[in-house]
Protein backbone atom coordinates (compact mmCIF):
# COMPACT_ATOMS: atom_id res chain seq x y z
CA UNK A 1 0.00 0.00 0.00
CA UNK A 2 1.32 3.40 -0.95
CA UNK A 3 0.51 6.44 1.15
CA UNK A 4 2.11 8.85 -1.32
CA UNK A 5 -1.18 10.03 -2.86
CA UNK A 6 -3.15 12.63 -0.87
CA UNK A 7 -6.53 10.88 -0.80
CA UNK A 8 -9.13 10.85 1.96
CA UNK A 9 -8.59 7.10 2.39
CA UNK A 10 -4.85 7.62 2.90
CA UNK A 11 -5.57 10.52 5.26
CA UNK A 12 -7.76 8.19 7.34
CA UNK A 13 -4.96 5.62 7.51
CA UNK A 14 -2.32 8.18 8.49
CA UNK A 15 -4.41 9.88 11.19
CA UNK A 16 -5.42 6.52 12.66
CA UNK A 17 -1.80 5.32 12.68
CA UNK A 18 -0.69 8.51 14.43
CA UNK A 19 -3.47 8.11 17.01
CA UNK A 20 -2.47 4.50 17.65
CA UNK A 21 1.20 5.36 17.93
CA UNK A 22 0.47 8.17 20.38
CA UNK A 23 -1.92 5.85 22.25
CA UNK A 24 -4.78 8.32 22.00
CA UNK A 25 -7.63 6.98 24.10
CA UNK A 26 -10.28 9.49 23.04
CA UNK A 27 -10.25 9.05 19.25
CA UNK A 28 -12.86 11.77 18.82
CA UNK A 29 -10.04 14.32 19.16
CA UNK A 30 -8.17 12.70 16.24
CA UNK A 31 -10.76 12.48 13.47
CA UNK A 32 -9.37 12.37 9.92
CA UNK A 33 -12.05 14.83 8.75
CA UNK A 34 -10.54 17.44 11.09
CA UNK A 35 -7.57 17.75 8.72
CA UNK A 36 -7.47 19.25 5.21
CA UNK A 37 -5.99 17.23 2.37
CA UNK A 38 -3.83 20.30 1.73
CA UNK A 39 -1.94 19.37 4.92
CA UNK A 40 -1.48 15.75 3.79
CA UNK A 41 2.27 15.97 3.19
CA UNK A 42 2.87 17.50 6.63
CA UNK A 43 0.80 14.80 8.32
CA UNK A 44 2.55 12.07 6.35
CA UNK A 45 5.93 13.50 7.38
CA UNK A 46 4.85 13.47 11.03
CA UNK A 47 3.61 9.89 10.68
CA UNK A 48 6.86 8.82 9.00
CA UNK A 49 8.86 10.47 11.79
CA UNK A 50 6.79 8.67 14.43
CA UNK A 51 7.30 5.31 12.76
CA UNK A 52 11.05 5.88 12.43
CA UNK A 53 11.47 7.23 15.96
CA UNK A 54 9.50 4.54 17.76
CA UNK A 55 8.96 5.59 21.35
CA UNK A 56 8.68 9.27 22.22
CA UNK A 57 9.55 11.00 25.45
CA UNK A 58 6.84 12.95 27.24
CA UNK A 59 8.23 16.23 25.91
CA UNK A 60 8.39 14.86 22.35
CA UNK A 61 4.82 13.59 22.62
CA UNK A 62 3.63 17.00 23.81
CA UNK A 63 5.45 18.75 20.95
CA UNK A 64 4.00 16.26 18.50
CA UNK A 65 0.46 16.88 19.76
CA UNK A 66 0.97 20.64 19.50
CA UNK A 67 2.14 20.24 15.91
CA UNK A 68 -0.93 18.13 15.10
CA UNK A 69 -3.17 20.77 16.66
CA UNK A 70 -1.64 23.41 14.39
CA UNK A 71 -2.53 21.31 11.33
CA UNK A 72 -6.20 20.91 12.22
CA UNK A 73 -8.90 22.85 10.35
PDB file of N, CA and C in Angstrom:
ATOM      1  N   UNK A   1       0.849  -1.183   0.000  1.00  0.00           N
ATOM      2  CA  UNK A   1       0.000   0.000   0.000  1.00  0.00           C
ATOM      3  C   UNK A   1       0.891   1.242   0.000  1.00  0.00           C
ATOM      4  N   UNK A   2       0.557   2.167  -0.853  1.00  0.00           N
ATOM      5  CA  UNK A   2       1.319   3.402  -0.952  1.00  0.00           C
ATOM      6  C   UNK A   2       0.519   4.551  -0.351  1.00  0.00           C
ATOM      7  N   UNK A   3       1.152   5.284   0.522  1.00  0.00           N
ATOM      8  CA  UNK A   3       0.513   6.439   1.147  1.00  0.00           C
ATOM      9  C   UNK A   3       0.995   7.745   0.519  1.00  0.00           C
ATOM     10  N   UNK A   4       1.557   7.655  -0.679  1.00  0.00           N
ATOM     11  CA  UNK A   4       2.112   8.846  -1.317  1.00  0.00           C
ATOM     12  C   UNK A   4       1.056   9.764  -1.917  1.00  0.00           C
ATOM     13  N   UNK A   5      -0.111   9.224  -2.259  1.00  0.00           N
ATOM     14  CA  UNK A   5      -1.177  10.027  -2.856  1.00  0.00           C
ATOM     15  C   UNK A   5      -2.051  10.655  -1.775  1.00  0.00           C
ATOM     16  N   UNK A   6      -2.311  11.957  -1.870  1.00  0.00           N
ATOM     17  CA  UNK A   6      -3.151  12.633  -0.871  1.00  0.00           C
ATOM     18  C   UNK A   6      -4.646  12.387  -1.102  1.00  0.00           C
ATOM     19  N   UNK A   7      -5.114  11.216  -0.683  1.00  0.00           N
ATOM     20  CA  UNK A   7      -6.530  10.880  -0.799  1.00  0.00           C
ATOM     21  C   UNK A   7      -7.148  10.842   0.598  1.00  0.00           C
ATOM     22  N   UNK A   8      -8.459  10.906   0.660  1.00  0.00           N
ATOM     23  CA  UNK A   8      -9.128  10.851   1.960  1.00  0.00           C
ATOM     24  C   UNK A   8      -8.898   9.494   2.630  1.00  0.00           C
ATOM     25  N   UNK A   9      -8.854   8.441   1.836  1.00  0.00           N
ATOM     26  CA  UNK A   9      -8.591   7.104   2.385  1.00  0.00           C
ATOM     27  C   UNK A   9      -7.208   7.055   3.035  1.00  0.00           C
ATOM     28  N   UNK A  10      -6.204   7.589   2.344  1.00  0.00           N
ATOM     29  CA  UNK A  10      -4.849   7.617   2.900  1.00  0.00           C
ATOM     30  C   UNK A  10      -4.781   8.524   4.128  1.00  0.00           C
ATOM     31  N   UNK A  11      -5.527   9.625   4.106  1.00  0.00           N
ATOM     32  CA  UNK A  11      -5.574  10.524   5.262  1.00  0.00           C
ATOM     33  C   UNK A  11      -6.121   9.770   6.475  1.00  0.00           C
ATOM     34  N   UNK A  12      -7.182   8.989   6.263  1.00  0.00           N
ATOM     35  CA  UNK A  12      -7.761   8.194   7.342  1.00  0.00           C
ATOM     36  C   UNK A  12      -6.727   7.238   7.931  1.00  0.00           C
ATOM     37  N   UNK A  13      -5.985   6.564   7.070  1.00  0.00           N
ATOM     38  CA  UNK A  13      -4.961   5.618   7.512  1.00  0.00           C
ATOM     39  C   UNK A  13      -3.893   6.334   8.325  1.00  0.00           C
ATOM     40  N   UNK A  14      -3.398   7.451   7.808  1.00  0.00           N
ATOM     41  CA  UNK A  14      -2.324   8.182   8.489  1.00  0.00           C
ATOM     42  C   UNK A  14      -2.772   8.699   9.848  1.00  0.00           C
ATOM     43  N   UNK A  15      -3.930   9.324   9.910  1.00  0.00           N
ATOM     44  CA  UNK A  15      -4.407   9.881  11.185  1.00  0.00           C
ATOM     45  C   UNK A  15      -4.636   8.756  12.195  1.00  0.00           C
ATOM     46  N   UNK A  16      -5.197   7.648  11.748  1.00  0.00           N
ATOM     47  CA  UNK A  16      -5.416   6.522  12.658  1.00  0.00           C
ATOM     48  C   UNK A  16      -4.105   5.908  13.141  1.00  0.00           C
ATOM     49  N   UNK A  17      -3.112   5.833  12.273  1.00  0.00           N
ATOM     50  CA  UNK A  17      -1.803   5.316  12.679  1.00  0.00           C
ATOM     51  C   UNK A  17      -1.147   6.251  13.695  1.00  0.00           C
ATOM     52  N   UNK A  18      -1.252   7.543  13.475  1.00  0.00           N
ATOM     53  CA  UNK A  18      -0.695   8.514  14.427  1.00  0.00           C
ATOM     54  C   UNK A  18      -1.392   8.358  15.776  1.00  0.00           C
ATOM     55  N   UNK A  19      -2.714   8.258  15.769  1.00  0.00           N
ATOM     56  CA  UNK A  19      -3.470   8.110  17.011  1.00  0.00           C
ATOM     57  C   UNK A  19      -3.067   6.838  17.748  1.00  0.00           C
ATOM     58  N   UNK A  20      -2.886   5.753  17.019  1.00  0.00           N
ATOM     59  CA  UNK A  20      -2.466   4.502  17.655  1.00  0.00           C
ATOM     60  C   UNK A  20      -1.073   4.631  18.234  1.00  0.00           C
ATOM     61  N   UNK A  21      -0.179   5.220  17.477  1.00  0.00           N
ATOM     62  CA  UNK A  21       1.204   5.357  17.935  1.00  0.00           C
ATOM     63  C   UNK A  21       1.302   6.237  19.180  1.00  0.00           C
ATOM     64  N   UNK A  22       0.481   7.271  19.220  1.00  0.00           N
ATOM     65  CA  UNK A  22       0.471   8.169  20.383  1.00  0.00           C
ATOM     66  C   UNK A  22      -0.414   7.636  21.506  1.00  0.00           C
ATOM     67  N   UNK A  23      -1.041   6.493  21.271  1.00  0.00           N
ATOM     68  CA  UNK A  23      -1.915   5.852  22.246  1.00  0.00           C
ATOM     69  C   UNK A  23      -3.037   6.790  22.704  1.00  0.00           C
ATOM     70  N   UNK A  24      -3.663   7.423  21.724  1.00  0.00           N
ATOM     71  CA  UNK A  24      -4.781   8.323  21.998  1.00  0.00           C
ATOM     72  C   UNK A  24      -5.980   7.481  22.409  1.00  0.00           C
ATOM     73  N   UNK A  25      -6.487   7.736  23.602  1.00  0.00           N
ATOM     74  CA  UNK A  25      -7.630   6.975  24.103  1.00  0.00           C
ATOM     75  C   UNK A  25      -8.922   7.531  23.524  1.00  0.00           C
ATOM     76  N   UNK A  26      -9.075   8.844  23.535  1.00  0.00           N
ATOM     77  CA  UNK A  26     -10.284   9.493  23.038  1.00  0.00           C
ATOM     78  C   UNK A  26     -10.081   9.817  21.556  1.00  0.00           C
ATOM     79  N   UNK A  27     -10.471   8.884  20.691  1.00  0.00           N
ATOM     80  CA  UNK A  27     -10.254   9.047  19.252  1.00  0.00           C
ATOM     81  C   UNK A  27     -11.074  10.171  18.642  1.00  0.00           C
ATOM     82  N   UNK A  28     -12.051  10.682  19.372  1.00  0.00           N
ATOM     83  CA  UNK A  28     -12.856  11.773  18.818  1.00  0.00           C
ATOM     84  C   UNK A  28     -12.034  13.048  18.649  1.00  0.00           C
ATOM     85  N   UNK A  29     -10.895  13.139  19.324  1.00  0.00           N
ATOM     86  CA  UNK A  29     -10.037  14.316  19.162  1.00  0.00           C
ATOM     87  C   UNK A  29      -9.082  14.163  17.987  1.00  0.00           C
ATOM     88  N   UNK A  30      -9.063  12.975  17.375  1.00  0.00           N
ATOM     89  CA  UNK A  30      -8.173  12.701  16.238  1.00  0.00           C
ATOM     90  C   UNK A  30      -8.984  12.152  15.070  1.00  0.00           C
ATOM     91  N   UNK A  31      -9.956  12.915  14.601  1.00  0.00           N
ATOM     92  CA  UNK A  31     -10.765  12.482  13.469  1.00  0.00           C
ATOM     93  C   UNK A  31     -10.096  12.923  12.169  1.00  0.00           C
ATOM     94  N   UNK A  32      -9.988  12.018  11.197  1.00  0.00           N
ATOM     95  CA  UNK A  32      -9.367  12.371   9.917  1.00  0.00           C
ATOM     96  C   UNK A  32     -10.036  13.560   9.235  1.00  0.00           C
ATOM     97  N   UNK A  33     -11.353  13.714   9.400  1.00  0.00           N
ATOM     98  CA  UNK A  33     -12.047  14.828   8.746  1.00  0.00           C
ATOM     99  C   UNK A  33     -11.707  16.182   9.366  1.00  0.00           C
ATOM    100  N   UNK A  34     -10.979  16.188  10.467  1.00  0.00           N
ATOM    101  CA  UNK A  34     -10.540  17.442  11.087  1.00  0.00           C
ATOM    102  C   UNK A  34      -9.300  18.032  10.401  1.00  0.00           C
ATOM    103  N   UNK A  35      -8.775  17.312   9.420  1.00  0.00           N
ATOM    104  CA  UNK A  35      -7.570  17.751   8.717  1.00  0.00           C
ATOM    105  C   UNK A  35      -7.867  17.932   7.239  1.00  0.00           C
ATOM    106  N   UNK A  36      -7.321  18.996   6.642  1.00  0.00           N
ATOM    107  CA  UNK A  36      -7.467  19.246   5.211  1.00  0.00           C
ATOM    108  C   UNK A  36      -6.487  18.390   4.425  1.00  0.00           C
ATOM    109  N   UNK A  37      -6.906  17.964   3.246  1.00  0.00           N
ATOM    110  CA  UNK A  37      -5.987  17.229   2.367  1.00  0.00           C
ATOM    111  C   UNK A  37      -4.796  18.091   1.964  1.00  0.00           C
ATOM    112  N   UNK A  38      -4.954  19.406   2.041  1.00  0.00           N
ATOM    113  CA  UNK A  38      -3.834  20.305   1.732  1.00  0.00           C
ATOM    114  C   UNK A  38      -2.668  20.105   2.699  1.00  0.00           C
ATOM    115  N   UNK A  39      -2.964  19.604   3.895  1.00  0.00           N
ATOM    116  CA  UNK A  39      -1.941  19.366   4.915  1.00  0.00           C
ATOM    117  C   UNK A  39      -1.445  17.924   4.905  1.00  0.00           C
ATOM    118  N   UNK A  40      -1.817  17.180   3.863  1.00  0.00           N
ATOM    119  CA  UNK A  40      -1.481  15.755   3.790  1.00  0.00           C
ATOM    120  C   UNK A  40       0.016  15.501   3.910  1.00  0.00           C
ATOM    121  N   UNK A  41       0.820  16.236   3.175  1.00  0.00           N
ATOM    122  CA  UNK A  41       2.269  15.970   3.186  1.00  0.00           C
ATOM    123  C   UNK A  41       2.868  16.217   4.567  1.00  0.00           C
ATOM    124  N   UNK A  42       2.375  17.242   5.280  1.00  0.00           N
ATOM    125  CA  UNK A  42       2.867  17.503   6.627  1.00  0.00           C
ATOM    126  C   UNK A  42       2.482  16.371   7.581  1.00  0.00           C
ATOM    127  N   UNK A  43       1.232  15.902   7.470  1.00  0.00           N
ATOM    128  CA  UNK A  43       0.796  14.795   8.318  1.00  0.00           C
ATOM    129  C   UNK A  43       1.566  13.511   8.003  1.00  0.00           C
ATOM    130  N   UNK A  44       1.799  13.271   6.719  1.00  0.00           N
ATOM    131  CA  UNK A  44       2.553  12.074   6.347  1.00  0.00           C
ATOM    132  C   UNK A  44       3.981  12.154   6.880  1.00  0.00           C
ATOM    133  N   UNK A  45       4.572  13.330   6.837  1.00  0.00           N
ATOM    134  CA  UNK A  45       5.927  13.498   7.379  1.00  0.00           C
ATOM    135  C   UNK A  45       5.950  13.224   8.880  1.00  0.00           C
ATOM    136  N   UNK A  46       4.939  13.724   9.587  1.00  0.00           N
ATOM    137  CA  UNK A  46       4.854  13.467  11.025  1.00  0.00           C
ATOM    138  C   UNK A  46       4.683  11.974  11.294  1.00  0.00           C
ATOM    139  N   UNK A  47       3.825  11.332  10.523  1.00  0.00           N
ATOM    140  CA  UNK A  47       3.612   9.892  10.682  1.00  0.00           C
ATOM    141  C   UNK A  47       4.903   9.119  10.404  1.00  0.00           C
ATOM    142  N   UNK A  48       5.613   9.493   9.340  1.00  0.00           N
ATOM    143  CA  UNK A  48       6.865   8.816   9.000  1.00  0.00           C
ATOM    144  C   UNK A  48       7.895   9.000  10.113  1.00  0.00           C
ATOM    145  N   UNK A  49       7.935  10.195  10.692  1.00  0.00           N
ATOM    146  CA  UNK A  49       8.857  10.467  11.793  1.00  0.00           C
ATOM    147  C   UNK A  49       8.505   9.606  13.012  1.00  0.00           C
ATOM    148  N   UNK A  50       7.227   9.492  13.299  1.00  0.00           N
ATOM    149  CA  UNK A  50       6.786   8.669  14.429  1.00  0.00           C
ATOM    150  C   UNK A  50       7.188   7.213  14.234  1.00  0.00           C
ATOM    151  N   UNK A  51       6.970   6.700  13.045  1.00  0.00           N
ATOM    152  CA  UNK A  51       7.300   5.310  12.756  1.00  0.00           C
ATOM    153  C   UNK A  51       8.808   5.089  12.884  1.00  0.00           C
ATOM    154  N   UNK A  52       9.594   6.015  12.371  1.00  0.00           N
ATOM    155  CA  UNK A  52      11.052   5.881  12.427  1.00  0.00           C
ATOM    156  C   UNK A  52      11.579   6.025  13.857  1.00  0.00           C
ATOM    157  N   UNK A  53      10.997   6.940  14.606  1.00  0.00           N
ATOM    158  CA  UNK A  53      11.469   7.233  15.957  1.00  0.00           C
ATOM    159  C   UNK A  53      11.115   6.131  16.944  1.00  0.00           C
ATOM    160  N   UNK A  54       9.930   5.556  16.798  1.00  0.00           N
ATOM    161  CA  UNK A  54       9.498   4.541  17.764  1.00  0.00           C
ATOM    162  C   UNK A  54       8.882   5.206  18.977  1.00  0.00           C
ATOM    163  N   UNK A  55       9.484   5.010  20.118  1.00  0.00           N
ATOM    164  CA  UNK A  55       8.963   5.593  21.352  1.00  0.00           C
ATOM    165  C   UNK A  55       9.357   7.058  21.482  1.00  0.00           C
ATOM    166  N   UNK A  56       8.421   7.846  22.004  1.00  0.00           N
ATOM    167  CA  UNK A  56       8.676   9.267  22.216  1.00  0.00           C
ATOM    168  C   UNK A  56       8.740   9.554  23.706  1.00  0.00           C
ATOM    169  N   UNK A  57       9.543  10.535  24.061  1.00  0.00           N
ATOM    170  CA  UNK A  57       9.549  11.003  25.448  1.00  0.00           C
ATOM    171  C   UNK A  57       8.281  11.812  25.680  1.00  0.00           C
ATOM    172  N   UNK A  58       8.022  12.149  26.916  1.00  0.00           N
ATOM    173  CA  UNK A  58       6.842  12.949  27.241  1.00  0.00           C
ATOM    174  C   UNK A  58       6.914  14.299  26.536  1.00  0.00           C
ATOM    175  N   UNK A  59       8.069  14.927  26.558  1.00  0.00           N
ATOM    176  CA  UNK A  59       8.230  16.234  25.908  1.00  0.00           C
ATOM    177  C   UNK A  59       8.033  16.127  24.394  1.00  0.00           C
ATOM    178  N   UNK A  60       8.562  15.064  23.791  1.00  0.00           N
ATOM    179  CA  UNK A  60       8.389  14.860  22.353  1.00  0.00           C
ATOM    180  C   UNK A  60       6.925  14.615  22.007  1.00  0.00           C
ATOM    181  N   UNK A  61       6.232  13.855  22.842  1.00  0.00           N
ATOM    182  CA  UNK A  61       4.819  13.594  22.622  1.00  0.00           C
ATOM    183  C   UNK A  61       4.023  14.885  22.683  1.00  0.00           C
ATOM    184  N   UNK A  62       4.324  15.715  23.672  1.00  0.00           N
ATOM    185  CA  UNK A  62       3.625  16.998  23.811  1.00  0.00           C
ATOM    186  C   UNK A  62       3.870  17.884  22.584  1.00  0.00           C
ATOM    187  N   UNK A  63       5.112  17.949  22.134  1.00  0.00           N
ATOM    188  CA  UNK A  63       5.448  18.752  20.954  1.00  0.00           C
ATOM    189  C   UNK A  63       4.740  18.198  19.715  1.00  0.00           C
ATOM    190  N   UNK A  64       4.671  16.900  19.622  1.00  0.00           N
ATOM    191  CA  UNK A  64       4.004  16.264  18.497  1.00  0.00           C
ATOM    192  C   UNK A  64       2.516  16.612  18.484  1.00  0.00           C
ATOM    193  N   UNK A  65       1.880  16.556  19.639  1.00  0.00           N
ATOM    194  CA  UNK A  65       0.460  16.877  19.756  1.00  0.00           C
ATOM    195  C   UNK A  65       0.217  18.342  19.407  1.00  0.00           C
ATOM    196  N   UNK A  66       1.097  19.219  19.839  1.00  0.00           N
ATOM    197  CA  UNK A  66       0.969  20.641  19.502  1.00  0.00           C
ATOM    198  C   UNK A  66       1.079  20.863  18.009  1.00  0.00           C
ATOM    199  N   UNK A  67       1.979  20.137  17.368  1.00  0.00           N
ATOM    200  CA  UNK A  67       2.141  20.239  15.911  1.00  0.00           C
ATOM    201  C   UNK A  67       0.879  19.734  15.203  1.00  0.00           C
ATOM    202  N   UNK A  68       0.320  18.628  15.678  1.00  0.00           N
ATOM    203  CA  UNK A  68      -0.928  18.127  15.103  1.00  0.00           C
ATOM    204  C   UNK A  68      -2.042  19.131  15.259  1.00  0.00           C
ATOM    205  N   UNK A  69      -2.127  19.764  16.416  1.00  0.00           N
ATOM    206  CA  UNK A  69      -3.173  20.766  16.657  1.00  0.00           C
ATOM    207  C   UNK A  69      -3.056  21.922  15.669  1.00  0.00           C
ATOM    208  N   UNK A  70      -1.830  22.297  15.321  1.00  0.00           N
ATOM    209  CA  UNK A  70      -1.638  23.411  14.389  1.00  0.00           C
ATOM    210  C   UNK A  70      -2.063  23.045  12.961  1.00  0.00           C
ATOM    211  N   UNK A  71      -2.150  21.753  12.668  1.00  0.00           N
ATOM    212  CA  UNK A  71      -2.529  21.312  11.332  1.00  0.00           C
ATOM    213  C   UNK A  71      -4.027  21.077  11.179  1.00  0.00           C
ATOM    214  N   UNK A  72      -4.750  21.130  12.278  1.00  0.00           N
ATOM    215  CA  UNK A  72      -6.203  20.908  12.221  1.00  0.00           C
ATOM    216  C   UNK A  72      -6.900  22.085  11.538  1.00  0.00           C
ATOM    217  N   UNK A  73      -8.094  21.813  11.007  1.00  0.00           N
ATOM    218  CA  UNK A  73      -8.899  22.855  10.347  1.00  0.00           C
ATOM    219  C   UNK A  73      -9.264  23.935  11.328  1.00  0.00           C
TER     220      UNK A  73
END
